[in-house]
Protein backbone atom coordinates (compact mmCIF):
# COMPACT_ATOMS: atom_id res chain seq x y z
CA MET A 1 175.33 -29.93 -14.58
CA LYS A 2 173.19 -27.56 -12.52
CA LEU A 3 176.24 -25.70 -11.17
CA ARG A 4 177.51 -25.29 -14.73
CA GLU A 5 174.17 -23.80 -15.86
CA LEU A 6 174.13 -21.45 -12.90
CA THR A 7 177.63 -20.25 -13.74
CA ILE A 8 176.68 -19.66 -17.38
CA LEU A 9 173.68 -17.51 -16.58
CA SER A 10 175.24 -15.65 -13.69
CA SER A 11 178.03 -14.52 -16.01
CA LEU A 12 175.40 -12.98 -18.28
CA LEU A 13 174.20 -10.87 -15.39
CA ALA A 14 177.64 -9.82 -14.22
CA ALA A 15 177.82 -6.15 -13.35
CA PRO A 16 177.69 -3.62 -16.18
CA ALA A 17 181.35 -2.67 -16.13
CA ALA A 18 180.68 0.43 -18.18
CA ALA A 19 177.84 1.84 -16.11
CA HIS A 20 179.57 4.91 -14.84
CA ALA A 21 179.73 8.65 -15.27
CA GLY A 22 182.45 8.76 -17.67
CA GLY A 23 186.18 9.04 -18.05
CA LEU A 24 188.67 11.05 -16.05
CA PHE A 25 187.95 14.76 -15.84
CA LEU A 26 189.31 17.18 -18.40
CA PRO A 27 190.65 20.53 -17.17
CA GLY A 28 188.38 23.50 -16.68
CA SER A 29 184.65 24.12 -16.70
CA GLY A 30 183.17 26.39 -19.34
CA ALA A 31 184.91 28.63 -21.88
CA ILE A 32 187.29 30.79 -19.83
CA SER A 33 188.83 28.24 -17.47
CA THR A 34 189.12 25.61 -20.20
CA SER A 35 190.89 28.17 -22.44
CA ARG A 36 193.47 28.46 -19.64
CA ALA A 37 193.92 24.62 -19.50
CA GLY A 38 192.10 24.68 -16.17
CA ALA A 39 194.53 27.08 -14.45
CA ALA A 40 191.80 29.30 -13.04
CA ILE A 41 191.08 28.72 -9.36
CA ALA A 42 192.62 32.11 -8.49
CA SER A 43 191.45 34.04 -11.56
CA ALA A 44 187.81 32.85 -11.83
CA ASP A 45 185.58 35.90 -11.45
CA ASP A 46 182.25 35.13 -13.13
CA GLY A 47 179.66 32.32 -13.00
CA GLU A 48 182.27 29.70 -13.92
CA ALA A 49 183.60 30.09 -10.38
CA LEU A 50 180.54 28.09 -9.28
CA SER A 51 182.34 24.92 -10.39
CA ILE A 52 185.99 26.11 -10.34
CA ASN A 53 186.29 27.86 -6.95
CA PRO A 54 183.20 29.27 -5.20
CA ALA A 55 185.34 31.94 -3.50
CA GLY A 56 185.79 33.55 -6.94
CA LEU A 57 182.11 34.50 -6.94
CA ALA A 58 182.99 37.26 -4.48
CA LYS A 59 184.60 39.14 -7.41
CA THR A 60 181.40 39.35 -9.46
CA ARG A 61 179.63 42.68 -10.03
CA GLY A 62 176.00 43.29 -9.06
CA THR A 63 174.06 40.56 -10.82
CA THR A 64 176.09 38.43 -13.22
CA ILE A 65 174.67 35.89 -15.68
CA THR A 66 177.01 33.34 -17.26
CA LEU A 67 176.21 30.88 -20.03
CA SER A 68 179.25 28.89 -21.04
CA ALA A 69 180.27 25.51 -22.38
CA ALA A 70 183.19 23.32 -23.34
CA LEU A 71 182.49 21.20 -26.42
CA ILE A 72 184.41 17.92 -26.35
CA GLN A 73 185.24 15.43 -29.09
CA TYR A 74 187.00 12.23 -28.07
CA SER A 75 188.85 10.05 -30.55
CA MET A 76 189.84 6.59 -29.37
CA GLN A 77 190.74 3.30 -31.01
CA PHE A 78 191.84 -0.04 -29.62
CA THR A 79 193.93 -2.69 -31.34
CA ARG A 80 193.85 -5.91 -29.38
CA SER A 81 196.93 -8.12 -29.44
CA GLY A 82 196.67 -11.54 -31.03
CA THR A 83 194.27 -13.28 -33.38
CA TYR A 84 190.82 -14.82 -33.29
CA ASP A 85 191.05 -18.34 -31.87
CA ALA A 86 190.06 -21.42 -33.82
CA LEU A 87 186.63 -22.55 -32.63
CA SER A 88 186.09 -26.10 -31.47
CA THR A 89 182.47 -26.36 -32.59
CA ASP A 90 182.35 -24.02 -35.60
CA ASP A 91 184.42 -23.05 -38.61
CA GLN A 92 184.19 -19.29 -39.16
CA PRO A 93 186.00 -17.27 -41.86
CA TYR A 94 187.69 -14.95 -39.36
CA GLU A 95 189.47 -17.70 -37.37
CA GLY A 96 193.21 -16.99 -37.20
CA ALA A 97 192.81 -13.41 -38.43
CA ALA A 98 194.39 -10.56 -36.47
CA TYR A 99 192.00 -8.57 -34.34
CA ALA A 100 190.78 -5.52 -36.23
CA THR A 101 191.28 -2.02 -34.85
CA VAL A 102 188.04 -0.82 -33.26
CA LYS A 103 187.24 2.91 -33.28
CA ASN A 104 184.87 4.72 -30.98
CA ASP A 105 181.89 5.92 -33.03
CA PRO A 106 179.21 7.10 -30.58
CA SER A 107 175.79 8.51 -31.37
CA LEU A 108 175.32 11.30 -28.84
CA PRO A 109 171.79 11.96 -27.55
CA PHE A 110 172.40 15.71 -27.13
CA GLY A 111 175.59 16.19 -29.15
CA ILE A 112 176.55 17.86 -32.38
CA GLY A 113 177.82 14.92 -34.37
CA ALA A 114 180.54 13.43 -32.17
CA VAL A 115 180.96 16.69 -30.21
CA GLN A 116 179.37 16.83 -26.77
CA PRO A 117 178.60 20.23 -25.13
CA VAL A 118 179.29 20.32 -21.38
CA PRO A 119 177.52 23.38 -19.94
CA VAL A 120 177.89 25.86 -17.12
CA ALA A 121 174.98 28.21 -16.40
CA ALA A 122 174.93 30.47 -13.35
CA ILE A 123 173.34 33.61 -11.92
CA THR A 124 175.23 35.47 -9.22
CA THR A 125 173.86 38.39 -7.24
CA ASP A 126 174.93 40.72 -4.45
CA LEU A 127 171.26 40.94 -3.36
CA GLY A 128 171.32 44.68 -3.95
CA GLY A 129 173.78 45.15 -1.11
CA LEU A 130 171.35 43.69 1.44
CA ILE A 131 174.28 41.89 3.10
CA PRO A 132 177.47 43.74 2.21
CA LYS A 133 180.30 41.62 0.78
CA LEU A 134 178.03 38.58 0.27
CA ARG A 135 177.38 36.95 -3.11
CA VAL A 136 174.77 34.26 -3.77
CA ALA A 137 174.82 32.07 -6.87
CA VAL A 138 172.55 29.42 -8.33
CA GLY A 139 173.30 27.39 -11.40
CA VAL A 140 173.99 24.06 -13.01
CA TYR A 141 177.10 22.46 -14.44
CA ALA A 142 178.49 19.09 -15.51
CA PRO A 143 182.02 17.70 -15.12
CA ASN A 144 184.20 18.08 -18.21
CA ALA A 145 184.23 14.46 -19.37
CA TYR A 146 183.25 12.25 -22.31
CA PRO A 147 181.46 9.02 -21.23
CA PHE A 148 180.13 8.07 -24.67
CA ARG A 149 181.23 4.87 -26.39
CA ASN A 150 180.15 2.79 -29.34
CA MET A 151 182.71 0.06 -29.99
CA SER A 152 180.28 -2.36 -31.60
CA GLN A 153 181.30 -1.68 -35.24
CA GLY A 154 177.65 -2.19 -36.12
CA TYR A 155 177.78 -5.78 -34.91
CA VAL A 156 174.40 -7.33 -34.10
CA PHE A 157 174.44 -9.98 -31.37
CA ASN A 158 172.83 -13.24 -32.48
CA GLY A 159 172.92 -11.95 -36.05
CA ASP A 160 175.32 -13.11 -38.76
CA TYR A 161 177.78 -15.42 -37.02
CA THR A 162 180.20 -15.34 -39.97
CA VAL A 163 180.95 -11.68 -39.19
CA ALA A 164 183.90 -11.22 -36.84
CA PRO A 165 182.67 -9.92 -33.48
CA PRO A 166 184.37 -6.77 -32.12
CA PRO A 167 187.36 -7.67 -29.92
CA THR A 168 186.35 -4.93 -27.47
CA ARG A 169 182.97 -6.48 -26.71
CA TYR A 170 183.95 -7.81 -23.27
CA ASP A 171 185.05 -4.33 -22.19
CA ILE A 172 182.33 -2.18 -23.76
CA MET A 173 179.96 -2.22 -26.74
CA GLU A 174 177.80 0.86 -26.23
CA GLN A 175 177.56 3.41 -23.44
CA ASP A 176 176.28 6.87 -22.64
CA GLY A 177 175.79 8.78 -19.44
CA ALA A 178 175.19 12.17 -17.91
CA VAL A 179 175.92 13.75 -14.54
CA ILE A 180 174.25 17.12 -13.94
CA LEU A 181 174.86 19.17 -10.79
CA PRO A 182 172.27 21.86 -9.88
CA SER A 183 174.08 24.01 -7.32
CA LEU A 184 173.80 26.78 -4.76
CA ALA A 185 176.86 28.76 -3.67
CA LEU A 186 177.74 31.54 -1.24
CA ALA A 187 180.86 33.73 -1.29
CA TYR A 188 181.91 36.31 1.26
CA SER A 189 184.73 38.84 1.42
CA ILE A 190 186.01 38.55 4.98
CA THR A 191 188.53 41.33 4.31
CA PRO A 192 189.50 43.21 1.14
CA LYS A 193 192.26 40.61 0.74
CA LEU A 194 190.44 37.38 1.69
CA ASP A 195 187.41 35.75 0.06
CA VAL A 196 185.82 32.44 1.02
CA GLY A 197 183.14 30.41 -0.70
CA VAL A 198 181.07 27.27 -0.40
CA ARG A 199 179.09 25.33 -2.98
CA LEU A 200 176.40 22.71 -2.33
CA SER A 201 175.12 20.53 -5.18
CA TRP A 202 172.32 18.03 -5.64
CA GLY A 203 173.40 15.92 -8.58
CA PHE A 204 171.55 13.64 -10.98
CA ALA A 205 173.06 10.77 -13.00
CA GLN A 206 171.72 8.60 -15.79
CA LEU A 207 173.92 5.74 -16.96
CA LYS A 208 173.40 3.26 -19.80
CA SER A 209 175.67 0.53 -21.12
CA THR A 210 175.75 -2.65 -23.16
CA VAL A 211 178.55 -5.19 -22.81
CA ALA A 212 179.21 -8.74 -23.97
CA LEU A 213 180.01 -11.40 -21.39
CA TRP A 214 180.97 -15.03 -21.47
CA GLY A 215 177.87 -17.19 -21.65
CA ASP A 216 179.94 -20.25 -20.83
CA PRO A 217 182.59 -20.46 -18.07
CA ASP A 218 184.94 -22.33 -20.42
CA ASN A 219 184.61 -19.91 -23.34
CA TYR A 220 188.36 -19.29 -23.54
CA GLU A 221 188.13 -19.44 -27.34
CA GLU A 222 185.63 -16.55 -27.19
CA ASN A 223 183.03 -18.21 -29.38
CA VAL A 224 180.40 -15.53 -29.93
CA LYS A 225 177.66 -18.20 -29.90
CA LYS A 226 178.64 -18.83 -26.27
CA ASP A 227 178.53 -15.13 -25.41
CA GLY A 228 175.79 -13.16 -23.79
CA THR A 229 174.99 -9.45 -23.62
CA LEU A 230 173.90 -7.29 -20.73
CA ALA A 231 172.17 -3.94 -21.14
CA ALA A 232 171.76 -1.77 -18.05
CA ASP A 233 169.90 1.49 -17.53
CA VAL A 234 170.25 3.02 -14.05
CA THR A 235 169.76 6.44 -12.46
CA ASP A 236 170.56 8.24 -9.23
CA SER A 237 168.46 11.33 -8.49
CA PHE A 238 170.43 12.45 -5.45
CA ILE A 239 174.21 12.77 -5.61
CA PRO A 240 175.45 15.04 -2.81
CA ASN A 241 178.50 17.12 -3.57
CA GLY A 242 180.14 20.24 -2.21
CA ALA A 243 183.21 22.45 -2.42
CA LEU A 244 185.07 24.88 -0.18
CA GLY A 245 187.34 27.55 -1.59
CA LEU A 246 189.33 30.65 -0.70
CA THR A 247 191.34 33.33 -2.42
CA PHE A 248 193.91 35.54 -0.72
CA ARG A 249 195.60 38.66 -2.15
CA PRO A 250 198.69 39.48 -0.05
CA THR A 251 199.74 42.15 -2.57
CA PRO A 252 198.00 43.81 -5.54
CA HIS A 253 200.09 41.65 -7.87
CA LEU A 254 199.75 38.28 -6.14
CA GLU A 255 196.70 36.10 -5.60
CA LEU A 256 196.67 32.70 -3.89
CA ALA A 257 193.83 30.21 -3.96
CA ALA A 258 192.79 26.76 -2.76
CA VAL A 259 189.72 24.64 -3.33
CA TRP A 260 188.56 21.28 -2.02
CA THR A 261 185.77 19.29 -3.68
CA SER A 262 184.06 16.36 -2.02
CA ALA A 263 183.61 12.94 -3.60
CA MET A 264 180.39 12.19 -5.47
CA PRO A 265 179.02 8.81 -4.34
CA ILE A 266 176.61 7.37 -6.91
CA GLN A 267 174.12 4.66 -5.91
CA ALA A 268 172.16 4.20 -9.12
CA LYS A 269 169.13 1.95 -9.53
CA GLY A 270 167.26 0.75 -12.57
CA THR A 271 166.84 -2.26 -14.82
CA ALA A 272 168.92 -4.80 -16.73
CA GLN A 273 168.19 -7.12 -19.64
CA SER A 274 170.26 -10.04 -20.90
CA GLU A 275 170.44 -12.14 -24.07
CA ILE A 276 172.39 -15.35 -24.56
CA GLY A 277 173.90 -17.02 -27.59
CA PRO A 278 172.54 -20.30 -28.95
CA ALA A 279 175.53 -22.35 -27.75
CA ALA A 280 175.77 -20.87 -24.24
CA GLY A 281 176.06 -23.76 -21.82
CA GLY A 282 176.29 -26.21 -24.64
CA GLY A 283 172.88 -25.05 -25.88
CA LEU A 284 171.12 -26.68 -22.95
CA GLY A 285 167.61 -25.57 -22.18
CA GLY A 286 165.48 -25.54 -19.05
CA VAL A 287 167.23 -22.56 -17.45
CA THR A 288 165.52 -19.18 -17.10
CA ILE A 289 166.29 -16.02 -15.14
CA HIS A 290 163.66 -14.71 -12.75
CA PRO A 291 163.52 -11.77 -10.36
CA VAL A 292 163.87 -12.58 -6.69
CA ASP A 293 160.81 -12.28 -4.49
CA ASP A 294 160.08 -8.67 -3.58
CA ALA A 295 160.80 -9.47 0.07
CA GLY A 296 164.36 -10.39 -0.85
CA ALA A 297 165.00 -7.57 -3.31
CA ARG A 298 167.92 -5.32 -2.40
CA CYS A 299 167.73 -2.92 -5.35
CA ALA A 300 163.98 -2.51 -5.72
CA PRO A 301 160.83 -4.66 -5.77
CA GLY A 302 158.81 -5.25 -8.90
CA GLY A 303 161.37 -6.88 -11.16
CA THR A 304 160.23 -8.97 -14.12
CA ILE A 305 161.88 -11.49 -16.40
CA ASN A 306 162.24 -8.80 -19.07
CA GLU A 307 163.29 -6.05 -16.67
CA LEU A 308 165.38 -7.28 -13.78
CA LYS A 309 166.12 -4.79 -11.05
CA ALA A 310 169.74 -3.68 -10.85
CA CYS A 311 171.79 -1.24 -8.80
CA VAL A 312 175.33 0.05 -9.28
CA GLY A 313 177.58 1.75 -6.74
CA LEU A 314 180.51 3.90 -7.86
CA GLN A 315 182.09 7.26 -7.15
CA LEU A 316 183.54 10.35 -8.75
CA PRO A 317 186.60 11.23 -6.68
CA MET A 318 187.45 13.81 -4.07
CA SER A 319 189.89 16.46 -5.32
CA ALA A 320 191.98 19.38 -4.09
CA VAL A 321 193.78 22.18 -5.95
CA ILE A 322 196.11 24.96 -4.84
CA GLY A 323 197.29 27.78 -7.02
CA GLY A 324 199.09 31.08 -7.32
CA ARG A 325 198.51 33.91 -9.77
CA TYR A 326 200.77 36.81 -10.70
CA LYS A 327 198.99 39.87 -12.10
CA VAL A 328 200.55 42.53 -14.31
CA LEU A 329 198.89 45.90 -13.67
CA ASP A 330 199.09 49.21 -15.52
CA GLY A 331 199.77 52.55 -13.87
CA GLY A 332 196.10 52.90 -12.92
CA GLY A 333 195.89 49.45 -11.36
CA ALA A 334 193.99 47.86 -14.26
CA LEU A 335 194.84 44.30 -15.22
CA LYS A 336 197.14 44.00 -18.25
CA GLY A 337 197.76 40.27 -17.98
CA ASP A 338 198.30 37.40 -15.58
CA LEU A 339 200.00 34.04 -15.19
CA GLU A 340 198.59 31.31 -12.95
CA LEU A 341 199.96 27.96 -11.78
CA ASN A 342 197.67 25.27 -10.31
CA VAL A 343 198.65 21.96 -8.74
CA GLY A 344 195.87 19.38 -8.31
CA TRP A 345 195.15 15.96 -6.81
CA GLU A 346 192.27 13.56 -7.51
CA ASN A 347 191.53 10.55 -5.31
CA TRP A 348 190.95 7.93 -8.06
CA GLY A 349 192.88 5.37 -6.04
CA LYS A 350 190.34 5.02 -3.22
CA ARG A 351 189.50 1.34 -2.70
CA CYS A 352 186.73 -0.37 -0.78
CA ASN A 353 186.47 -3.42 1.42
CA PHE A 354 182.90 -4.34 0.49
CA ILE A 355 182.74 -7.10 3.07
CA ALA A 356 183.41 -4.68 5.91
CA ASP A 357 181.51 -1.79 4.33
CA PRO A 358 178.94 -2.85 1.69
CA ALA A 359 177.81 0.77 1.20
CA CYS A 360 181.31 1.95 0.24
CA THR A 361 181.80 3.50 -3.20
CA SER A 362 185.01 3.74 -5.22
CA PRO A 363 186.06 5.46 -8.46
CA GLY A 364 187.76 2.28 -9.73
CA GLN A 365 185.60 -0.50 -8.27
CA TYR A 366 182.00 -0.77 -9.41
CA ARG A 367 179.77 -2.81 -7.13
CA VAL A 368 176.73 -4.24 -8.89
CA ILE A 369 173.73 -6.11 -7.54
CA ILE A 370 171.18 -7.91 -9.71
CA ASP A 371 167.92 -8.88 -7.99
CA ALA A 372 167.67 -12.13 -9.90
CA GLU A 373 167.95 -15.87 -9.52
CA PRO A 374 168.20 -18.71 -12.06
CA HIS A 375 165.46 -21.33 -12.27
CA ILE A 376 166.49 -24.76 -13.47
CA ASP A 377 163.54 -26.71 -14.85
CA GLY A 378 161.33 -24.41 -12.77
CA VAL A 379 163.25 -24.91 -9.52
CA PRO A 380 164.74 -21.70 -8.01
CA ALA A 381 168.49 -21.71 -7.35
CA PRO A 382 170.51 -19.36 -5.09
CA ALA A 383 170.33 -15.68 -6.05
CA PHE A 384 173.26 -14.02 -7.75
CA LYS A 385 175.99 -12.61 -5.57
CA ASP A 386 177.36 -9.09 -5.78
CA ALA A 387 179.91 -8.38 -8.49
CA VAL A 388 182.87 -6.00 -8.29
CA ILE A 389 184.33 -4.70 -11.56
CA GLU A 390 187.93 -3.58 -11.24
CA HIS A 391 189.55 -0.69 -13.10
CA ARG A 392 192.63 -0.64 -10.85
CA PHE A 393 193.11 3.12 -10.57
CA LYS A 394 195.60 5.16 -8.59
CA ASP A 395 195.50 8.80 -7.48
CA THR A 396 196.31 11.36 -10.16
CA PHE A 397 198.19 14.65 -9.98
CA SER A 398 197.99 17.58 -12.33
CA LEU A 399 200.05 20.66 -13.15
CA ARG A 400 198.40 23.50 -15.06
CA LEU A 401 199.83 26.80 -16.26
CA GLY A 402 197.60 29.41 -17.85
CA GLY A 403 197.29 33.11 -18.31
CA SER A 404 195.89 36.06 -20.21
CA TYR A 405 196.93 39.24 -21.99
CA HIS A 406 194.63 42.26 -22.28
CA VAL A 407 194.59 44.52 -25.34
CA PRO A 408 192.65 47.77 -24.73
CA LEU A 409 190.73 49.08 -27.75
CA GLY A 410 190.88 52.68 -26.57
CA ALA A 411 192.09 54.93 -23.80
CA GLY A 412 190.91 54.89 -20.20
CA PRO A 413 189.62 52.17 -17.87
CA ALA A 414 186.19 52.11 -19.59
CA ALA A 415 187.61 51.09 -22.98
CA ASN A 416 186.53 47.85 -24.55
CA ARG A 417 189.24 45.23 -24.83
CA ILE A 418 190.36 41.99 -26.41
CA ILE A 419 191.58 39.34 -24.00
CA LEU A 420 193.89 36.59 -25.22
CA ARG A 421 194.17 33.42 -23.14
CA GLY A 422 196.12 30.19 -23.22
CA GLY A 423 197.40 27.36 -21.13
CA VAL A 424 199.10 24.00 -20.87
CA GLY A 425 198.46 21.17 -18.45
CA TYR A 426 199.66 17.69 -17.59
CA ASP A 427 197.73 14.93 -15.79
CA THR A 428 199.36 11.74 -14.58
CA ARG A 429 198.01 8.36 -15.62
CA ALA A 430 195.22 6.86 -13.51
CA ALA A 431 195.30 3.26 -14.74
CA GLU A 432 197.91 0.92 -13.36
CA ASP A 433 200.18 -0.96 -15.76
CA GLY A 434 198.09 -3.26 -17.95
CA TRP A 435 194.77 -1.76 -16.85
CA LEU A 436 193.94 0.75 -19.59
CA ARG A 437 190.42 0.05 -20.79
CA ALA A 438 188.20 1.23 -23.63
CA ASP A 439 185.22 1.98 -21.36
CA LEU A 440 186.96 4.53 -19.13
CA ASP A 441 189.89 6.78 -20.01
CA GLY A 442 192.81 6.10 -17.67
CA ALA A 443 195.68 7.48 -19.75
CA GLY A 444 198.02 10.35 -18.85
CA ARG A 445 197.42 13.50 -20.87
CA LEU A 446 199.00 16.71 -22.09
CA THR A 447 196.58 19.61 -22.68
CA THR A 448 197.18 22.71 -24.80
CA THR A 449 194.51 25.40 -25.11
CA ALA A 450 194.00 28.94 -26.39
CA GLY A 451 191.14 31.41 -26.38
CA ALA A 452 190.04 34.97 -26.89
CA ALA A 453 187.39 37.28 -25.51
CA TYR A 454 185.77 40.60 -26.32
CA ARG A 455 184.89 42.56 -23.18
CA THR A 456 182.79 45.69 -22.84
CA GLN A 457 181.47 47.44 -19.76
CA ARG A 458 178.36 45.23 -19.84
CA PHE A 459 179.28 41.87 -21.28
CA GLU A 460 182.06 39.52 -22.32
CA VAL A 461 182.04 36.97 -25.15
CA ASN A 462 184.51 34.07 -25.03
CA VAL A 463 185.67 31.49 -27.57
CA GLY A 464 188.53 29.00 -27.56
CA GLY A 465 189.91 25.66 -28.60
CA GLY A 466 192.34 23.03 -27.44
CA TYR A 467 193.88 19.63 -27.94
CA VAL A 468 194.48 16.88 -25.39
CA TYR A 469 197.26 14.50 -26.42
CA GLU A 470 197.32 10.98 -24.99
CA GLY A 471 199.14 9.13 -27.77
CA LYS A 472 199.54 5.37 -28.03
CA ASN A 473 199.50 3.37 -24.81
CA THR A 474 199.97 -0.38 -24.67
CA ASN A 475 198.75 -2.96 -22.19
CA PRO A 476 201.61 -5.47 -22.34
CA GLY A 477 201.21 -9.22 -22.49
CA THR A 478 200.24 -12.05 -24.80
CA CYS A 479 198.30 -14.22 -22.36
CA ASN A 480 195.60 -16.31 -24.07
CA PRO A 481 194.35 -18.99 -21.66
CA THR A 482 192.66 -22.15 -22.96
CA ALA A 483 190.55 -24.81 -21.31
CA THR A 484 193.67 -27.01 -21.07
CA MET A 485 196.15 -24.23 -20.19
CA GLU A 486 194.51 -21.83 -17.77
CA GLY A 487 195.99 -18.67 -16.30
CA CYS A 488 198.85 -16.44 -17.39
CA ARG A 489 201.81 -17.99 -15.57
CA GLY A 490 202.68 -20.38 -18.40
CA ASN A 491 202.25 -23.52 -16.30
CA GLY A 492 198.47 -23.85 -16.26
CA SER A 493 198.03 -21.85 -13.05
CA GLU A 494 196.62 -18.40 -12.44
CA ASN A 495 198.21 -15.32 -10.92
CA PRO A 496 196.76 -14.08 -7.63
CA ILE A 497 194.10 -11.43 -8.08
CA ASP A 498 196.31 -8.57 -6.85
CA GLN A 499 199.10 -9.52 -9.31
CA ARG A 500 197.01 -9.63 -12.47
CA ARG A 501 197.66 -7.04 -15.16
CA GLY A 502 194.24 -6.52 -16.65
CA PRO A 503 190.51 -7.15 -16.21
CA ASP A 504 189.08 -10.68 -16.29
CA PRO A 505 185.57 -12.03 -16.91
CA ILE A 506 183.23 -11.64 -13.93
CA ASN A 507 181.33 -14.52 -12.33
CA PRO A 508 179.07 -13.36 -9.47
CA LEU A 509 178.63 -16.92 -8.16
CA VAL A 510 182.13 -16.82 -6.67
CA VAL A 511 184.03 -14.36 -4.53
CA PRO A 512 186.40 -11.90 -6.29
CA ALA A 513 189.45 -13.90 -5.20
CA ALA A 514 188.21 -16.88 -7.22
CA GLN A 515 187.58 -15.11 -10.54
CA ALA A 516 189.12 -16.80 -13.60
CA GLU A 517 192.19 -15.16 -15.14
CA SER A 518 191.61 -14.32 -18.81
CA PRO A 519 192.65 -10.76 -19.75
CA VAL A 520 190.63 -9.15 -22.53
CA ASN A 521 192.36 -5.76 -22.93
CA GLN A 522 195.93 -6.59 -23.97
CA GLY A 523 196.86 -4.36 -26.88
CA THR A 524 197.21 -0.67 -27.78
CA ILE A 525 194.83 2.22 -27.15
CA GLU A 526 195.33 5.44 -29.12
CA SER A 527 193.33 8.43 -27.91
CA SER A 528 193.02 12.22 -27.91
CA TYR A 529 190.51 15.02 -27.35
CA VAL A 530 189.64 18.11 -29.35
CA LEU A 531 188.09 20.98 -27.40
CA PHE A 532 185.97 23.93 -28.43
CA MET A 533 184.78 26.60 -26.03
CA ALA A 534 182.12 29.30 -26.19
CA GLY A 535 180.42 31.47 -23.60
CA ILE A 536 179.01 34.81 -22.64
CA SER A 537 178.70 36.71 -19.36
CA THR A 538 176.78 39.88 -18.64
CA TRP A 539 176.46 41.98 -15.49
CA PHE A 540 174.23 44.81 -14.34
């Protein structure tokens, strides 16, 4: 009986699977590069180069100030396969009904309705020529991503039990997060044809999430009264990150570029709270959750029953991009238009062996520690073990094509002009077959963007828009284990961990290889993004 109670309560404190920085990156950073579908590592020539390719800062004039943003709206809905199971201890009106489609309906802390601005702000200077050919830039930016989720459908845990609970609750209920990267960059023109740049960033992350978990190890029927919820709020105030870039102009018409960006390891710490349903563990009492003694705390000392200490390890991936740009010039050498092709790689598939390297971080494996232990009738039991939440990602590749066309509004090189921009891009799918989840976007995507600018001798104003198509993607399968027919092999046995096609409930009392097989994400996800861009740069 004691082991059963321990299992029940440890499942309530299983790692917050949604405590992360968000979904996979969208192309670009700011108004100009996003209007080109991200094809900009060779063409970036204002403050946006801080995040796109620091070598591009070498092209700036005097002192340049850039304020720019991509505004992102993410539409996503999930239709889970199957129906609500009949409950052994209750009769509820939704039993046997098909799972309802659940739509993402977030409330953004700093958004405009469901639209989230993602900023780039930078100041670049040549220091008045103090060091010829050197540019210095300071600024702040955030990755183009949308981490916000509300899949709860207004459901209140431990509220009206006759209301059907959201079928996405074991993946994600609510979530928001932010990753901000204050940065310093240097760019230098080694020769008139070759520029190099480096960026160093000190990032900050705040991550919040609420998920539902099994409050009973045999809750195959998914009785909400046997569920529990976990709410986590963690931060990391130091996320090191950097980038190296170069641009090379072998001819006046051709520009080549490359940029490498380091991974962003996040080791966030904070608090967690849990709530259990009235029938969790058969409704048995005498079990409470307590913080471990401060001497044994691995996240932080000072935990309380109401605020347990928690820490989450994850990573935003290393990436590399190469590109080539062809420039069309007029008789005086002024730019009339350009076309740029970028090919990129992102290391989402990095995996960790946490036994050999407990400090390892991975983009698709979230390692969570809760400084807590169950007490049974006042007697402490063994502390909870680490939990690893799988997203089963693989490396992604991208192809982006973008360009511009300049329309002078007068004669001579000093004339104001309209600049038209556009681009298309394709990113391969990150999630393995069966592993698409509502909490983190792992789908392949096709991006189409367009934009326009008005440029004078002193400033440039940019606007744009775009659409990211992901369509309908299905996690195959109809596996619905029961207490008498476990696993997904059809004979009462479970598939090995590395052969499973979807996430399972987490139990931190056992090692990952012993987790129960019970997929919760079989069904269809339909998703897309709408993009808006706006920005201004000035130089003097």
